C-alpha atoms as a PDB file:
ATOM      1  CA  MET A   1       2.751 164.627 135.405  1.00  0.00           C
ATOM      2  CA  ASP A   2      -0.362 166.764 134.922  1.00  0.00           C
ATOM      3  CA  LEU A   3      -3.361 164.611 135.758  1.00  0.00           C
ATOM      4  CA  LYS A   4      -5.977 167.227 135.194  1.00  0.00           C
ATOM      5  CA  ILE A   5      -6.348 166.762 131.499  1.00  0.00           C
ATOM      6  CA  ASP A   6      -6.104 163.373 129.787  1.00  0.00           C
ATOM      7  CA  ILE A   7      -6.066 164.576 126.119  1.00  0.00           C
ATOM      8  CA  SER A   8      -5.287 167.780 124.335  1.00  0.00           C
ATOM      9  CA  VAL A   9      -6.543 167.852 120.710  1.00  0.00           C
ATOM     10  CA  VAL A  10      -4.660 170.377 118.570  1.00  0.00           C
ATOM     11  CA  VAL A  11      -6.431 171.445 115.359  1.00  0.00           C
ATOM     12  CA  PRO A  12      -4.644 173.808 112.988  1.00  0.00           C
ATOM     13  CA  LEU A  13      -6.915 175.313 110.399  1.00  0.00           C
ATOM     14  CA  PHE A  14      -7.167 177.742 107.509  1.00  0.00           C
ATOM     15  CA  ASN A  15     -10.547 178.764 106.061  1.00  0.00           C
ATOM     16  CA  GLU A  16     -12.529 175.813 107.500  1.00  0.00           C
ATOM     17  CA  ASP A  17     -15.561 177.530 109.015  1.00  0.00           C
ATOM     18  CA  GLU A  18     -18.020 175.011 107.580  1.00  0.00           C
ATOM     19  CA  SER A  19     -16.489 171.956 109.194  1.00  0.00           C
ATOM     20  CA  LEU A  20     -15.635 173.272 112.664  1.00  0.00           C
ATOM     21  CA  PRO A  21     -19.050 172.834 114.379  1.00  0.00           C
ATOM     22  CA  GLU A  22     -19.308 169.231 113.128  1.00  0.00           C
ATOM     23  CA  LEU A  23     -15.731 168.462 114.105  1.00  0.00           C
ATOM     24  CA  HIS A  24     -16.161 169.817 117.620  1.00  0.00           C
ATOM     25  CA  ALA A  25     -19.393 167.879 118.084  1.00  0.00           C
ATOM     26  CA  TRP A  26     -17.698 164.670 116.897  1.00  0.00           C
ATOM     27  CA  ILE A  27     -14.697 165.125 119.187  1.00  0.00           C
ATOM     28  CA  LYS A  28     -16.974 165.947 122.153  1.00  0.00           C
ATOM     29  CA  LYS A  29     -19.094 162.842 121.536  1.00  0.00           C
ATOM     30  CA  VAL A  30     -15.946 160.574 121.529  1.00  0.00           C
ATOM     31  CA  MET A  31     -14.499 162.182 124.606  1.00  0.00           C
ATOM     32  CA  ASP A  32     -17.754 162.019 126.605  1.00  0.00           C
ATOM     33  CA  GLU A  33     -18.332 158.401 125.664  1.00  0.00           C
ATOM     34  CA  ASN A  34     -14.924 157.483 127.015  1.00  0.00           C
ATOM     35  CA  SER A  35     -15.056 159.795 130.066  1.00  0.00           C
ATOM     36  CA  TYR A  36     -11.829 161.605 129.099  1.00  0.00           C
ATOM     37  CA  SER A  37     -10.975 164.963 130.512  1.00  0.00           C
ATOM     38  CA  TYR A  38      -9.848 167.029 127.542  1.00  0.00           C
ATOM     39  CA  GLU A  39      -9.273 170.367 125.803  1.00  0.00           C
ATOM     40  CA  ILE A  40      -9.498 171.258 122.157  1.00  0.00           C
ATOM     41  CA  VAL A  41      -7.066 173.912 120.872  1.00  0.00           C
ATOM     42  CA  PHE A  42      -8.024 175.488 117.563  1.00  0.00           C
ATOM     43  CA  ILE A  43      -5.297 177.454 115.883  1.00  0.00           C
ATOM     44  CA  ASP A  44      -6.686 179.751 113.206  1.00  0.00           C
ATOM     45  CA  ASP A  45      -3.794 180.265 110.735  1.00  0.00           C
ATOM     46  CA  GLY A  46      -4.998 183.675 109.380  1.00  0.00           C
ATOM     47  CA  SER A  47      -8.250 182.506 107.921  1.00  0.00           C
ATOM     48  CA  LYS A  48     -10.166 184.953 105.677  1.00  0.00           C
ATOM     49  CA  ASP A  49     -13.545 183.325 106.235  1.00  0.00           C
ATOM     50  CA  ASP A  50     -15.692 183.083 109.347  1.00  0.00           C
ATOM     51  CA  SER A  51     -13.530 180.489 111.112  1.00  0.00           C
ATOM     52  CA  TRP A  52     -12.556 182.593 114.101  1.00  0.00           C
ATOM     53  CA  ASN A  53     -16.132 183.677 114.797  1.00  0.00           C
ATOM     54  CA  VAL A  54     -17.102 180.024 114.838  1.00  0.00           C
ATOM     55  CA  ILE A  55     -14.285 179.228 117.253  1.00  0.00           C
ATOM     56  CA  ASP A  56     -15.234 182.175 119.459  1.00  0.00           C
ATOM     57  CA  GLY A  57     -18.860 180.967 119.501  1.00  0.00           C
ATOM     58  CA  LEU A  58     -17.768 177.442 120.508  1.00  0.00           C
ATOM     59  CA  ALA A  59     -15.437 178.742 123.242  1.00  0.00           C
ATOM     60  CA  LYS A  60     -18.250 180.792 124.784  1.00  0.00           C
ATOM     61  CA  LYS A  61     -20.534 177.735 124.908  1.00  0.00           C
ATOM     62  CA  PHE A  62     -17.965 175.015 125.759  1.00  0.00           C
ATOM     63  CA  SER A  63     -15.237 175.433 128.347  1.00  0.00           C
ATOM     64  CA  GLU A  64     -13.001 172.824 126.731  1.00  0.00           C
ATOM     65  CA  VAL A  65     -12.550 174.885 123.563  1.00  0.00           C
ATOM     66  CA  LYS A  66      -9.526 177.172 123.284  1.00  0.00           C
ATOM     67  CA  GLY A  67      -8.484 179.318 120.376  1.00  0.00           C
ATOM     68  CA  ILE A  68      -5.354 181.021 118.971  1.00  0.00           C
ATOM     69  CA  LYS A  69      -5.670 183.241 115.886  1.00  0.00           C
ATOM     70  CA  PHE A  70      -2.664 184.402 113.797  1.00  0.00           C
ATOM     71  CA  GLN A  71      -2.604 187.880 112.308  1.00  0.00           C
ATOM     72  CA  ARG A  72      -1.811 186.330 108.875  1.00  0.00           C
ATOM     73  CA  ASN A  73      -1.214 182.943 107.369  1.00  0.00           C
ATOM     74  CA  TYR A  74       2.159 181.506 108.674  1.00  0.00           C
ATOM     75  CA  GLY A  75       1.702 177.834 107.812  1.00  0.00           C
ATOM     76  CA  LYS A  76       0.902 174.586 109.527  1.00  0.00           C
ATOM     77  CA  SER A  77       4.191 174.303 111.345  1.00  0.00           C
ATOM     78  CA  ALA A  78       3.696 177.622 113.077  1.00  0.00           C
ATOM     79  CA  ALA A  79       0.169 176.662 114.028  1.00  0.00           C
ATOM     80  CA  LEU A  80       1.277 173.380 115.494  1.00  0.00           C
ATOM     81  CA  GLN A  81       4.104 174.976 117.385  1.00  0.00           C
ATOM     82  CA  LYS A  82       1.820 177.489 119.078  1.00  0.00           C
ATOM     83  CA  GLY A  83      -0.675 174.705 119.833  1.00  0.00           C
ATOM     84  CA  PHE A  84       2.054 172.573 121.357  1.00  0.00           C
ATOM     85  CA  GLU A  85       3.118 175.459 123.554  1.00  0.00           C
ATOM     86  CA  ALA A  86      -0.424 175.901 124.835  1.00  0.00           C
ATOM     87  CA  VAL A  87      -1.403 172.237 125.615  1.00  0.00           C
ATOM     88  CA  ALA A  88      -1.603 170.744 129.042  1.00  0.00           C
ATOM     89  CA  GLY A  89      -2.910 167.166 128.403  1.00  0.00           C
ATOM     90  CA  ASN A  90      -0.910 164.062 129.152  1.00  0.00           C
ATOM     91  CA  VAL A  91      -1.491 162.923 125.588  1.00  0.00           C
ATOM     92  CA  VAL A  92      -1.521 165.382 122.651  1.00  0.00           C
ATOM     93  CA  ILE A  93      -3.411 164.449 119.501  1.00  0.00           C
ATOM     94  CA  THR A  94      -3.224 166.482 116.267  1.00  0.00           C
ATOM     95  CA  MET A  95      -5.751 166.320 113.511  1.00  0.00           C
ATOM     96  CA  ASP A  96      -6.752 168.403 110.455  1.00  0.00           C
ATOM     97  CA  ALA A  97     -10.002 170.483 110.556  1.00  0.00           C
ATOM     98  CA  ASP A  98     -11.412 169.270 107.225  1.00  0.00           C
ATOM     99  CA  LEU A  99     -13.059 166.149 108.643  1.00  0.00           C
ATOM    100  CA  GLN A 100     -10.783 163.867 106.669  1.00  0.00           C
ATOM    101  CA  ASP A 101      -9.366 162.640 110.009  1.00  0.00           C
ATOM    102  CA  SER A 102     -11.815 160.684 112.179  1.00  0.00           C
ATOM    103  CA  PRO A 103     -12.038 161.496 115.947  1.00  0.00           C
ATOM    104  CA  ASP A 104     -13.125 157.909 116.415  1.00  0.00           C
ATOM    105  CA  GLU A 105      -9.450 156.939 116.279  1.00  0.00           C
ATOM    106  CA  ILE A 106      -8.726 158.937 119.467  1.00  0.00           C
ATOM    107  CA  PRO A 107      -9.382 156.171 122.055  1.00  0.00           C
ATOM    108  CA  GLU A 108      -6.994 153.717 120.378  1.00  0.00           C
ATOM    109  CA  LEU A 109      -4.338 156.356 119.904  1.00  0.00           C
ATOM    110  CA  TYR A 110      -4.645 157.282 123.543  1.00  0.00           C
ATOM    111  CA  ARG A 111      -4.348 153.649 124.566  1.00  0.00           C
ATOM    112  CA  MET A 112      -1.228 153.120 122.464  1.00  0.00           C
ATOM    113  CA  ILE A 113       0.457 156.055 124.159  1.00  0.00           C
ATOM    114  CA  MET A 114      -0.633 155.289 127.744  1.00  0.00           C
ATOM    115  CA  GLU A 115      -0.587 151.495 127.748  1.00  0.00           C
ATOM    116  CA  ASP A 116       1.845 150.465 125.011  1.00  0.00           C
ATOM    117  CA  ASP A 117       4.153 153.326 126.087  1.00  0.00           C
ATOM    118  CA  PHE A 118       4.826 154.730 122.608  1.00  0.00           C
ATOM    119  CA  ASP A 119       6.434 158.144 122.545  1.00  0.00           C
ATOM    120  CA  MET A 120       4.391 159.018 119.528  1.00  0.00           C
ATOM    121  CA  VAL A 121       1.988 157.240 117.138  1.00  0.00           C
ATOM    122  CA  SER A 122       1.644 158.287 113.556  1.00  0.00           C
ATOM    123  CA  GLY A 123      -1.551 157.578 111.524  1.00  0.00           C
ATOM    124  CA  TRP A 124      -1.310 155.731 108.258  1.00  0.00           C
ATOM    125  CA  LYS A 125      -3.975 156.529 105.741  1.00  0.00           C
ATOM    126  CA  LYS A 126      -3.639 153.218 103.959  1.00  0.00           C
ATOM    127  CA  LYS A 127      -6.717 153.870 101.785  1.00  0.00           C
ATOM    128  CA  ARG A 128      -6.796 157.458 100.603  1.00  0.00           C
ATOM    129  CA  TYR A 129      -9.513 159.584  98.910  1.00  0.00           C
ATOM    130  CA  ASP A 130      -7.076 162.100  97.462  1.00  0.00           C
ATOM    131  CA  PRO A 131      -6.483 162.723  93.749  1.00  0.00           C
ATOM    132  CA  ILE A 132      -3.590 160.925  92.056  1.00  0.00           C
ATOM    133  CA  THR A 133      -1.719 164.210  91.700  1.00  0.00           C
ATOM    134  CA  LYS A 134      -1.387 164.133  95.497  1.00  0.00           C
ATOM    135  CA  THR A 135      -1.059 160.423  96.263  1.00  0.00           C
ATOM    136  CA  ILE A 136       1.906 159.640  93.913  1.00  0.00           C
ATOM    137  CA  PRO A 137       4.128 162.528  95.197  1.00  0.00           C
ATOM    138  CA  THR A 138       3.153 161.436  98.745  1.00  0.00           C
ATOM    139  CA  LYS A 139       4.328 157.893  98.111  1.00  0.00           C
ATOM    140  CA  LEU A 140       7.657 159.134  96.734  1.00  0.00           C
ATOM    141  CA  TYR A 141       8.091 161.472  99.628  1.00  0.00           C
ATOM    142  CA  ASN A 142       7.419 158.749 102.208  1.00  0.00           C
ATOM    143  CA  TRP A 143       9.852 156.364 100.522  1.00  0.00           C
ATOM    144  CA  ALA A 144      12.585 159.038 100.583  1.00  0.00           C
ATOM    145  CA  ALA A 145      11.841 159.933 104.183  1.00  0.00           C
ATOM    146  CA  ARG A 146      12.035 156.255 105.249  1.00  0.00           C
ATOM    147  CA  ARG A 147      15.436 155.821 103.524  1.00  0.00           C
ATOM    148  CA  ILE A 148      16.971 159.001 104.909  1.00  0.00           C
ATOM    149  CA  THR A 149      15.699 158.932 108.454  1.00  0.00           C
ATOM    150  CA  GLY A 150      15.570 155.238 109.121  1.00  0.00           C
ATOM    151  CA  ILE A 151      12.026 155.477 110.550  1.00  0.00           C
ATOM    152  CA  LYS A 152       9.765 152.779 109.144  1.00  0.00           C
ATOM    153  CA  LEU A 153       6.545 154.745 108.721  1.00  0.00           C
ATOM    154  CA  HIS A 154       4.246 154.516 105.715  1.00  0.00           C
ATOM    155  CA  ASP A 155       2.745 158.003 106.060  1.00  0.00           C
ATOM    156  CA  PHE A 156       4.984 160.663 107.601  1.00  0.00           C
ATOM    157  CA  ASN A 157       2.669 163.563 106.708  1.00  0.00           C
ATOM    158  CA  CYS A 158      -0.561 162.201 108.119  1.00  0.00           C
ATOM    159  CA  GLY A 159      -2.163 164.926 110.245  1.00  0.00           C
ATOM    160  CA  LEU A 160      -3.598 162.505 112.711  1.00  0.00           C
ATOM    161  CA  LYS A 161      -0.873 161.761 115.321  1.00  0.00           C
ATOM    162  CA  ALA A 162      -0.612 161.209 119.074  1.00  0.00           C
ATOM    163  CA  TYR A 163       2.248 162.173 121.346  1.00  0.00           C
ATOM    164  CA  LYS A 164       3.350 162.107 124.960  1.00  0.00           C
ATOM    165  CA  LYS A 165       3.243 165.643 126.231  1.00  0.00           C
ATOM    166  CA  ILE A 166       6.989 165.642 126.834  1.00  0.00           C
ATOM    167  CA  VAL A 167       7.553 165.025 123.105  1.00  0.00           C
ATOM    168  CA  VAL A 168       5.755 168.114 121.848  1.00  0.00           C
ATOM    169  CA  LYS A 169       7.373 170.169 124.584  1.00  0.00           C
ATOM    170  CA  SER A 170      10.833 169.066 123.456  1.00  0.00           C
ATOM    171  CA  ILE A 171      10.757 169.742 119.697  1.00  0.00           C
ATOM    172  CA  GLU A 172      10.557 173.020 117.746  1.00  0.00           C
ATOM    173  CA  LEU A 173       8.639 173.404 114.498  1.00  0.00           C
ATOM    174  CA  TYR A 174       9.307 176.162 111.938  1.00  0.00           C
ATOM    175  CA  GLY A 175       9.149 176.591 108.196  1.00  0.00           C
ATOM    176  CA  ASP A 176       7.436 173.490 106.848  1.00  0.00           C
ATOM    177  CA  MET A 177       8.879 171.082 109.420  1.00  0.00           C
ATOM    178  CA  HIS A 178       5.441 169.703 110.382  1.00  0.00           C
ATOM    179  CA  ARG A 179       6.063 167.046 107.737  1.00  0.00           C
ATOM    180  CA  TYR A 180       9.027 165.752 109.671  1.00  0.00           C
ATOM    181  CA  ILE A 181       7.844 165.557 113.253  1.00  0.00           C
ATOM    182  CA  PRO A 182       8.773 161.800 113.567  1.00  0.00           C
ATOM    183  CA  PRO A 183      12.469 162.484 112.659  1.00  0.00           C
ATOM    184  CA  LEU A 184      12.483 165.551 114.949  1.00  0.00           C
ATOM    185  CA  ALA A 185      11.177 163.330 117.809  1.00  0.00           C
ATOM    186  CA  LYS A 186      13.738 160.626 117.006  1.00  0.00           C
ATOM    187  CA  TYR A 187      16.650 163.053 117.018  1.00  0.00           C
ATOM    188  CA  ALA A 188      15.377 164.462 120.327  1.00  0.00           C
ATOM    189  CA  GLY A 189      15.700 160.969 121.763  1.00  0.00           C
ATOM    190  CA  PHE A 190      12.149 159.676 121.463  1.00  0.00           C
ATOM    191  CA  THR A 191      12.731 156.559 119.451  1.00  0.00           C
ATOM    192  CA  ASN A 192       9.663 154.487 120.356  1.00  0.00           C
ATOM    193  CA  ILE A 193       7.601 155.581 117.397  1.00  0.00           C
ATOM    194  CA  GLY A 194       4.528 153.551 116.481  1.00  0.00           C
ATOM    195  CA  GLU A 195       2.022 153.557 113.591  1.00  0.00           C
ATOM    196  CA  LYS A 196      -1.689 152.915 113.293  1.00  0.00           C
ATOM    197  CA  VAL A 197      -3.853 152.416 110.254  1.00  0.00           C
ATOM    198  CA  VAL A 198      -6.484 155.199 110.387  1.00  0.00           C
ATOM    199  CA  GLN A 199      -9.574 155.983 108.374  1.00  0.00           C
ATOM    200  CA  HIS A 200      -9.251 158.573 105.648  1.00  0.00           C
ATOM    201  CA  ARG A 201     -12.489 160.304 104.798  1.00  0.00           C
ATOM    202  CA  ALA A 202     -13.333 162.241 101.636  1.00  0.00           C
ATOM    203  CA  ARG A 203     -13.273 165.991 102.007  1.00  0.00           C
ATOM    204  CA  GLN A 204     -16.783 167.355 102.712  1.00  0.00           C
ATOM    205  CA  TYR A 205     -16.199 171.128 102.770  1.00  0.00           C
ATOM    206  CA  GLY A 206     -13.804 173.588 101.248  1.00  0.00           C
ATOM    207  CA  VAL A 207     -10.828 172.910  99.046  1.00  0.00           C
ATOM    208  CA  THR A 208      -7.424 171.220  99.569  1.00  0.00           C
ATOM    209  CA  LYS A 209      -4.555 173.417 100.662  1.00  0.00           C
ATOM    210  CA  PHE A 210      -2.091 171.150  98.727  1.00  0.00           C
ATOM    211  CA  GLY A 211       0.295 173.230  96.579  1.00  0.00           C
ATOM    212  CA  LEU A 212       2.975 172.539  94.002  1.00  0.00           C
ATOM    213  CA  ASN A 213       5.593 174.211  96.266  1.00  0.00           C
ATOM    214  CA  ARG A 214       5.611 170.969  98.275  1.00  0.00           C
ATOM    215  CA  PHE A 215       7.469 169.234  95.426  1.00  0.00           C
ATOM    216  CA  LEU A 216      10.480 171.539  96.074  1.00  0.00           C
ATOM    217  CA  ASN A 217      10.167 172.392  99.744  1.00  0.00           C
ATOM    218  CA  GLY A 218       9.554 168.795 100.937  1.00  0.00           C
ATOM    219  CA  PRO A 219      12.929 167.363  99.779  1.00  0.00           C
ATOM    220  CA  LEU A 220      14.830 170.400 100.942  1.00  0.00           C
ATOM    221  CA  ASP A 221      13.249 170.283 104.419  1.00  0.00           C
ATOM    222  CA  LEU A 222      13.948 166.584 104.586  1.00  0.00           C
ATOM    223  CA  MET A 223      17.651 167.167 103.992  1.00  0.00           C
ATOM    224  CA  THR A 224      17.645 169.962 106.584  1.00  0.00           C
ATOM    225  CA  VAL A 225      16.059 167.755 109.213  1.00  0.00           C
ATOM    226  CA  ALA A 226      18.434 164.886 108.529  1.00  0.00           C
ATOM    227  CA  PHE A 227      21.451 167.225 108.636  1.00  0.00           C
ATOM    228  CA  MET A 228      20.439 169.063 111.794  1.00  0.00           C
ATOM    229  CA  GLY A 229      19.536 165.839 113.560  1.00  0.00           C
ATOM    230  CA  LYS A 230      22.882 164.222 112.824  1.00  0.00           C
ATOM    231  CA  PHE A 231      25.280 167.197 112.678  1.00  0.00           C
ATOM    232  CA  GLY A 232      23.421 170.168 114.232  1.00  0.00           C
ATOM    233  CA  LYS A 233      25.723 170.248 117.339  1.00  0.00           C
ATOM    234  CA  LYS A 234      28.859 169.016 115.478  1.00  0.00           C
ATOM    235  CA  PRO A 235      28.883 170.557 111.971  1.00  0.00           C
ATOM    236  CA  MET A 236      32.673 170.220 111.625  1.00  0.00           C
ATOM    237  CA  HIS A 237      32.205 166.442 111.598  1.00  0.00           C
ATOM    238  CA  PHE A 238      30.301 166.863 108.326  1.00  0.00           C
ATOM    239  CA  PHE A 239      32.166 169.665 106.639  1.00  0.00           C
ATOM    240  CA  GLY A 240      35.529 168.595 107.915  1.00  0.00           C
ATOM    241  CA  ALA A 241      35.139 165.003 106.614  1.00  0.00           C
ATOM    242  CA  ILE A 242      34.210 166.209 103.134  1.00  0.00           C
ATOM    243  CA  GLY A 243      36.896 168.924 103.177  1.00  0.00           C
ATOM    244  CA  THR A 244      39.586 166.365 104.240  1.00  0.00           C
ATOM    245  CA  LEU A 245      38.627 163.949 101.521  1.00  0.00           C
ATOM    246  CA  LEU A 246      38.591 166.553  98.748  1.00  0.00           C
ATOM    247  CA  PHE A 247      41.867 168.139  99.915  1.00  0.00           C
ATOM    248  CA  LEU A 248      43.620 164.768 100.099  1.00  0.00           C
ATOM    249  CA  VAL A 249      42.395 163.826  96.604  1.00  0.00           C
ATOM    250  CA  GLY A 250      43.657 167.124  95.212  1.00  0.00           C
ATOM    251  CA  PHE A 251      46.976 166.911  97.110  1.00  0.00           C
ATOM    252  CA  GLY A 252      47.426 163.373  95.839  1.00  0.00           C
ATOM    253  CA  PHE A 253      46.918 164.443  92.196  1.00  0.00           C
ATOM    254  CA  ALA A 254      49.418 167.248  92.659  1.00  0.00           C
ATOM    255  CA  LEU A 255      51.986 165.024  94.336  1.00  0.00           C
ATOM    256  CA  TRP A 256      51.683 162.466  91.570  1.00  0.00           C
ATOM    257  CA  LEU A 257      52.008 165.129  88.843  1.00  0.00           C
ATOM    258  CA  GLY A 258      55.211 166.417  90.526  1.00  0.00           C
ATOM    259  CA  VAL A 259      56.764 162.982  90.875  1.00  0.00           C
ATOM    260  CA  ASP A 260      55.849 162.062  87.352  1.00  0.00           C
ATOM    261  CA  LYS A 261      57.420 165.292  85.942  1.00  0.00           C
ATOM    262  CA  LEU A 262      60.607 165.142  88.034  1.00  0.00           C
ATOM    263  CA  PHE A 263      61.467 161.445  88.103  1.00  0.00           C
ATOM    264  CA  ILE A 264      59.369 159.378  85.612  1.00  0.00           C
ATOM    265  CA  ASP A 265      58.736 161.353  82.417  1.00  0.00           C
ATOM    266  CA  LYS A 266      60.934 164.435  82.383  1.00  0.00           C
ATOM    267  CA  GLY A 267      59.910 165.219  78.816  1.00  0.00           C
ATOM    268  CA  ALA A 268      56.252 165.432  79.666  1.00  0.00           C
ATOM    269  CA  ARG A 269      54.156 168.517  79.208  1.00  0.00           C
ATOM    270  CA  LEU A 270      54.425 171.252  81.801  1.00  0.00           C
ATOM    271  CA  ILE A 271      52.304 170.544  84.878  1.00  0.00           C
ATOM    272  CA  ALA A 272      50.187 173.649  84.244  1.00  0.00           C
ATOM    273  CA  GLU A 273      49.261 172.300  80.813  1.00  0.00           C
ATOM    274  CA  ARG A 274      47.788 169.044  82.167  1.00  0.00           C
ATOM    275  CA  THR A 275      44.164 168.620  83.007  1.00  0.00           C
ATOM    276  CA  GLU A 276      44.975 166.794  86.222  1.00  0.00           C
ATOM    277  CA  PHE A 277      46.653 169.932  87.608  1.00  0.00           C
ATOM    278  CA  TYR A 278      43.418 171.873  87.434  1.00  0.00           C
ATOM    279  CA  ILE A 279      41.472 168.995  88.958  1.00  0.00           C
ATOM    280  CA  SER A 280      43.886 168.800  91.920  1.00  0.00           C
ATOM    281  CA  LEU A 281      43.858 172.579  92.334  1.00  0.00           C
ATOM    282  CA  ALA A 282      40.048 172.782  92.282  1.00  0.00           C
ATOM    283  CA  SER A 283      39.778 169.831  94.691  1.00  0.00           C
ATOM    284  CA  MET A 284      42.182 171.446  97.242  1.00  0.00           C
ATOM    285  CA  ILE A 285      40.411 174.827  97.050  1.00  0.00           C
ATOM    286  CA  ILE A 286      36.931 173.280  97.499  1.00  0.00           C
ATOM    287  CA  GLY A 287      38.285 171.094 100.323  1.00  0.00           C
ATOM    288  CA  SER A 288      39.625 174.153 102.054  1.00  0.00           C
ATOM    289  CA  GLN A 289      36.320 175.932 101.622  1.00  0.00           C
ATOM    290  CA  PHE A 290      34.472 173.060 103.258  1.00  0.00           C
ATOM    291  CA  PHE A 291      36.927 173.321 106.157  1.00  0.00           C
ATOM    292  CA  LEU A 292      36.249 177.029 106.503  1.00  0.00           C
ATOM    293  CA  ALA A 293      32.483 176.335 106.355  1.00  0.00           C
ATOM    294  CA  GLY A 294      32.899 173.845 109.241  1.00  0.00           C
ATOM    295  CA  PHE A 295      34.891 176.387 111.367  1.00  0.00           C
ATOM    296  CA  VAL A 296      32.268 179.090 110.708  1.00  0.00           C
ATOM    297  CA  SER A 297      29.476 176.705 111.580  1.00  0.00           C
ATOM    298  CA  GLU A 298      31.277 175.779 114.850  1.00  0.00           C
ATOM    299  CA  LEU A 299      31.702 179.486 115.664  1.00  0.00           C
ATOM    300  CA  ILE A 300      27.982 180.147 115.021  1.00  0.00           C
ATOM    301  CA  GLY A 301      27.029 177.090 117.095  1.00  0.00           C
ATOM    302  CA  ARG A 302      29.271 178.254 119.913  1.00  0.00           C
ATOM    303  CA  SER A 303      27.470 181.569 119.969  1.00  0.00           C
ATOM    304  CA  SER A 304      24.058 180.021 119.828  1.00  0.00           C
ATOM    305  CA  SER A 305      21.842 180.345 122.947  1.00  0.00           C
ATOM    306  CA  GLY A 306      20.618 176.766 122.332  1.00  0.00           C
ATOM    307  CA  ARG A 307      24.078 175.164 122.149  1.00  0.00           C
ATOM    308  CA  ASN A 308      23.629 173.420 125.494  1.00  0.00           C
ATOM    309  CA  ASN A 309      19.935 172.563 125.240  1.00  0.00           C
ATOM    310  CA  TYR A 310      19.996 168.876 126.094  1.00  0.00           C
ATOM    311  CA  LEU A 311      16.867 166.989 127.038  1.00  0.00           C
ATOM    312  CA  VAL A 312      17.291 165.512 130.564  1.00  0.00           C
ATOM    313  CA  GLU A 313      14.974 162.560 131.256  1.00  0.00           C
ATOM    314  CA  LYS A 314      15.719 161.987 134.961  1.00  0.00           C
ATOM    315  CA  THR A 315      18.005 163.207 137.713  1.00  0.00           C
ATOM    316  CA  LEU A 316      19.075 161.985 141.150  1.00  0.00           C
ATOM    317  CA  ASN A 317      20.105 164.277 144.017  1.00  0.00           C
ATOM    318  CA  VAL A 318      20.614 167.160 141.650  1.00  0.00           C
ATOM    319  CA  ASP A 319      19.305 170.627 142.544  1.00  0.00           C
END
């Protein structure tokens, strides 16, 4: 374990030049008061304002400041992924750059990771200062995420989180998967996930980056994470089960229609004139298609370079 840096703070940002000096000063004050060794990694997600110049100025003055700038705006998941790749601290803490997350929470988050041995700790903004157009969808989203993933967190999307370094080095973020880091960690084998009530502060600078596209993208990403976590390495178990069920239902209808026509009611309408025939035919065709989808998924998985990427926790006498 790298003992040189206690804490890495990862801060993704987009057009937050006004808040960055104050955020850095606040983080530095907390770190110095607790005698932590630390680094702050700012990831500029293609800002159009003066954010990168502010980061550059801070880096020249303070050795703990590091910066990554994207050519264009790729999204928070991409920013966090590059930040996770760059960190070296034993504990990794993420927070937003808009000063709505309080750096005063860092010592307790660090303690929960190091002493309570949580794999990750997610913040819970129990009292929020967001508009109702944001809080209601967030509550619905968190309820759905709890039901689907089985992780009992109140606030999946809180930007203030703490992780063991091995956790962030073992997961991959893309698209909008930053909302689902707890499920990604769980499916990677890190099941000791804690929660801490954290302070949520009103926005002081800039404007919210909340968009209506989250109403559509959020549920779709949630289904993707749940599917990949459970069936990513065995897709035939999903598609094959559905295909088998549909094919058996269709075949059962067809068999019943044949027996009924031949032995029970010989004067009945022709099989092709009965609604049940088309139900059975459609069911068998769709079931076969699910089977084919499962086979194709297995072939794709077999050709994937990551098909044997398994996280090894410990070894004994293995070179």
